[in-house]
Amino acid sequence: MSQKTEKTVSKEIKIVTRPVATLEDVSRDLRKVSLLEVVRNLGEVSERGLISSLYILKSEVGKDLGYQFQVVGSSVSSREVLEDVRVLLYLGLLEVSPRRKLRLTSLGKEFLEKLSGGLRERLEDIAKSVEGIKQRVLSEDSLLNLAPAGGRRGRRRR
């Protein structure tokens, strides 16, 4: 008589704790404030367009805002940027428009207006740099939105 050995598989839940961010924390974080300024100057921009603009600022213009980027082929990604965007969305400083683009909320605009003089000078410098690449980023962003997500999709033929 053979006995069957049962193999049990257990799944573990991995819980990642994150500290709660406040507006005061964001005002002390230069990266998040700079990110808000870039979004304000671009108007409405997708997450991919935002990452692209930050990469162009770092690699071509020479304005390093402190983000690390991974480049695979012609695609640029950054986990740090996406994490900061999530925090800003959570706090209500950014919102997602119906066209799935990021934009500044009225609270975000007020937040940027209330910043101190030292930060304001840095933000004006960032704004000048963003103006130089704005048309390029927005045109690339609109081209990405025109292309279908899964490549070529048409009728299936049998």
Protein backbone atom coordinates (compact mmCIF):
# COMPACT_ATOMS: atom_id res chain seq x y z
CA MET A 1 0.00 0.00 0.00
CA SER A 2 1.41 3.23 -1.05
CA GLN A 3 0.91 6.38 0.87
CA LYS A 4 0.45 9.62 -0.96
CA THR A 5 2.44 12.45 0.41
CA GLU A 6 0.58 15.69 0.29
CA LYS A 7 2.53 18.76 -0.46
CA THR A 8 1.07 21.92 0.96
CA VAL A 9 1.85 25.21 -0.61
CA SER A 10 1.45 28.27 1.51
CA LYS A 11 1.39 31.78 0.25
CA GLU A 12 2.92 34.53 2.26
CA ILE A 13 1.71 38.06 2.16
CA LYS A 14 4.43 40.61 2.01
CA ILE A 15 3.42 43.81 3.73
CA VAL A 16 5.36 46.92 2.88
CA THR A 17 4.90 49.75 5.34
CA ARG A 18 5.32 53.30 4.20
CA PRO A 19 5.30 56.34 6.41
CA VAL A 20 2.39 58.68 5.96
CA ALA A 21 3.47 61.75 4.03
CA THR A 22 2.19 65.20 4.93
CA LEU A 23 2.30 68.52 3.13
CA GLU A 24 5.05 69.63 5.48
CA ASP A 25 7.14 66.62 4.50
CA VAL A 26 6.65 67.44 0.82
CA SER A 27 7.65 71.07 1.35
CA ARG A 28 10.99 69.85 2.79
CA ASP A 29 11.56 67.33 -0.03
CA LEU A 30 13.22 69.12 -2.92
CA ARG A 31 12.56 66.26 -5.37
CA LYS A 32 8.79 66.30 -4.87
CA VAL A 33 8.61 70.11 -5.02
CA SER A 34 10.66 70.06 -8.23
CA LEU A 35 8.36 67.38 -9.64
CA LEU A 36 5.35 69.61 -8.92
CA GLU A 37 7.05 72.51 -10.70
CA VAL A 38 7.76 70.37 -13.78
CA VAL A 39 4.11 69.26 -13.93
CA ARG A 40 2.94 72.87 -13.51
CA ASN A 41 5.10 74.02 -16.44
CA LEU A 42 4.12 71.13 -18.69
CA GLY A 43 0.39 71.50 -17.97
CA GLU A 44 -1.12 68.06 -18.49
CA VAL A 45 1.34 65.23 -19.05
CA SER A 46 1.23 61.45 -18.82
CA GLU A 47 3.44 59.57 -16.38
CA ARG A 48 5.57 58.36 -19.26
CA GLY A 49 5.92 61.92 -20.58
CA LEU A 50 6.86 63.16 -17.13
CA ILE A 51 9.56 60.52 -16.76
CA SER A 52 10.81 61.34 -20.25
CA SER A 53 11.00 65.06 -19.46
CA LEU A 54 12.91 64.44 -16.22
CA TYR A 55 15.33 62.17 -18.10
CA ILE A 56 15.88 64.82 -20.79
CA LEU A 57 16.47 67.43 -18.09
CA LYS A 58 19.10 65.20 -16.49
CA SER A 59 20.87 63.86 -19.57
CA GLU A 60 20.70 66.73 -22.07
CA VAL A 61 20.11 69.93 -20.11
CA GLY A 62 22.20 68.99 -17.07
CA LYS A 63 19.52 69.56 -14.40
CA ASP A 64 19.68 66.57 -12.09
CA LEU A 65 16.63 66.48 -9.83
CA GLY A 66 17.88 63.43 -7.95
CA TYR A 67 16.06 60.62 -9.75
CA GLN A 68 17.61 57.41 -11.05
CA PHE A 69 16.49 56.14 -14.46
CA GLN A 70 16.58 52.75 -16.17
CA VAL A 71 16.86 52.81 -19.95
CA VAL A 72 15.86 49.73 -21.93
CA GLY A 73 16.09 50.32 -25.65
CA SER A 74 14.28 53.59 -26.21
CA SER A 75 12.08 53.23 -23.14
CA VAL A 76 12.94 55.15 -19.97
CA SER A 77 11.51 54.24 -16.57
CA SER A 78 11.99 55.31 -12.98
CA ARG A 79 10.46 53.68 -9.95
CA GLU A 80 11.38 56.71 -7.79
CA VAL A 81 9.40 59.11 -9.98
CA LEU A 82 6.33 56.87 -9.92
CA GLU A 83 6.56 56.55 -6.14
CA ASP A 84 6.74 60.34 -5.71
CA VAL A 85 3.80 60.78 -8.10
CA ARG A 86 1.75 58.37 -5.96
CA VAL A 87 2.53 60.38 -2.83
CA LEU A 88 1.54 63.64 -4.54
CA LEU A 89 -1.68 62.05 -5.82
CA TYR A 90 -2.44 60.77 -2.30
CA LEU A 91 -1.99 64.25 -0.82
CA GLY A 92 -4.17 65.87 -3.47
CA LEU A 93 -1.45 68.03 -4.99
CA LEU A 94 -1.74 66.19 -8.32
CA GLU A 95 -4.76 64.65 -9.99
CA VAL A 96 -5.40 62.45 -13.00
CA SER A 97 -7.49 64.09 -15.70
CA PRO A 98 -10.18 62.19 -17.64
CA ARG A 99 -7.62 61.80 -20.44
CA ARG A 100 -5.33 59.91 -18.00
CA LYS A 101 -2.83 62.72 -17.69
CA LEU A 102 -1.33 64.23 -14.57
CA ARG A 103 -2.10 67.82 -13.71
CA LEU A 104 -1.73 70.15 -10.76
CA THR A 105 -4.75 70.69 -8.52
CA SER A 106 -5.71 74.06 -7.07
CA LEU A 107 -4.24 72.86 -3.77
CA GLY A 108 -1.00 72.07 -5.61
CA LYS A 109 -0.90 75.55 -7.14
CA GLU A 110 -1.45 77.17 -3.74
CA PHE A 111 1.22 74.92 -2.25
CA LEU A 112 3.80 76.06 -4.81
CA GLU A 113 2.86 79.72 -4.31
CA LYS A 114 3.43 79.50 -0.53
CA LEU A 115 7.00 78.19 -0.77
CA SER A 116 9.87 80.21 0.67
CA GLY A 117 12.26 82.41 -1.32
CA GLY A 118 15.20 79.98 -1.48
CA LEU A 119 13.10 77.28 -3.08
CA ARG A 120 11.40 79.77 -5.37
CA GLU A 121 14.69 80.67 -7.06
CA ARG A 122 15.47 76.99 -7.72
CA LEU A 123 11.95 76.45 -9.07
CA GLU A 124 12.28 79.40 -11.45
CA ASP A 125 15.52 77.88 -12.75
CA ILE A 126 13.74 74.55 -13.30
CA ALA A 127 10.85 76.34 -15.02
CA LYS A 128 13.25 77.95 -17.52
CA SER A 129 14.78 74.57 -18.30
CA VAL A 130 11.37 72.93 -18.76
CA GLU A 131 10.27 75.66 -21.17
CA GLY A 132 13.15 74.68 -23.44
CA ILE A 133 12.00 71.05 -23.73
CA LYS A 134 8.25 71.51 -23.30
CA GLN A 135 7.22 71.24 -26.97
CA ARG A 136 9.41 68.20 -27.55
CA VAL A 137 8.02 66.33 -24.53
CA LEU A 138 4.39 67.20 -25.25
CA SER A 139 4.69 66.18 -28.91
CA GLU A 140 6.29 62.84 -27.94
CA ASP A 141 3.56 62.39 -25.33
CA SER A 142 0.78 63.01 -27.84
CA LEU A 143 2.38 60.59 -30.33
CA LEU A 144 2.45 57.87 -27.67
CA ASN A 145 -1.24 58.44 -26.99
CA LEU A 146 -2.12 58.09 -30.67
CA ALA A 147 -0.42 54.72 -31.08
CA PRO A 148 -2.47 51.71 -29.97
CA ALA A 149 -1.23 50.03 -26.81
CA GLY A 150 -0.94 46.49 -28.13
CA GLY A 151 0.62 47.31 -31.44
CA ARG A 152 -1.40 46.62 -34.56
CA ARG A 153 -4.93 45.57 -33.79
CA GLY A 154 -7.34 44.77 -36.50
CA ARG A 155 -9.90 42.20 -37.46
CA ARG A 156 -8.87 38.62 -37.14
CA ARG A 157 -9.04 36.76 -40.38
CA ARG A 158 -9.62 33.06 -40.61
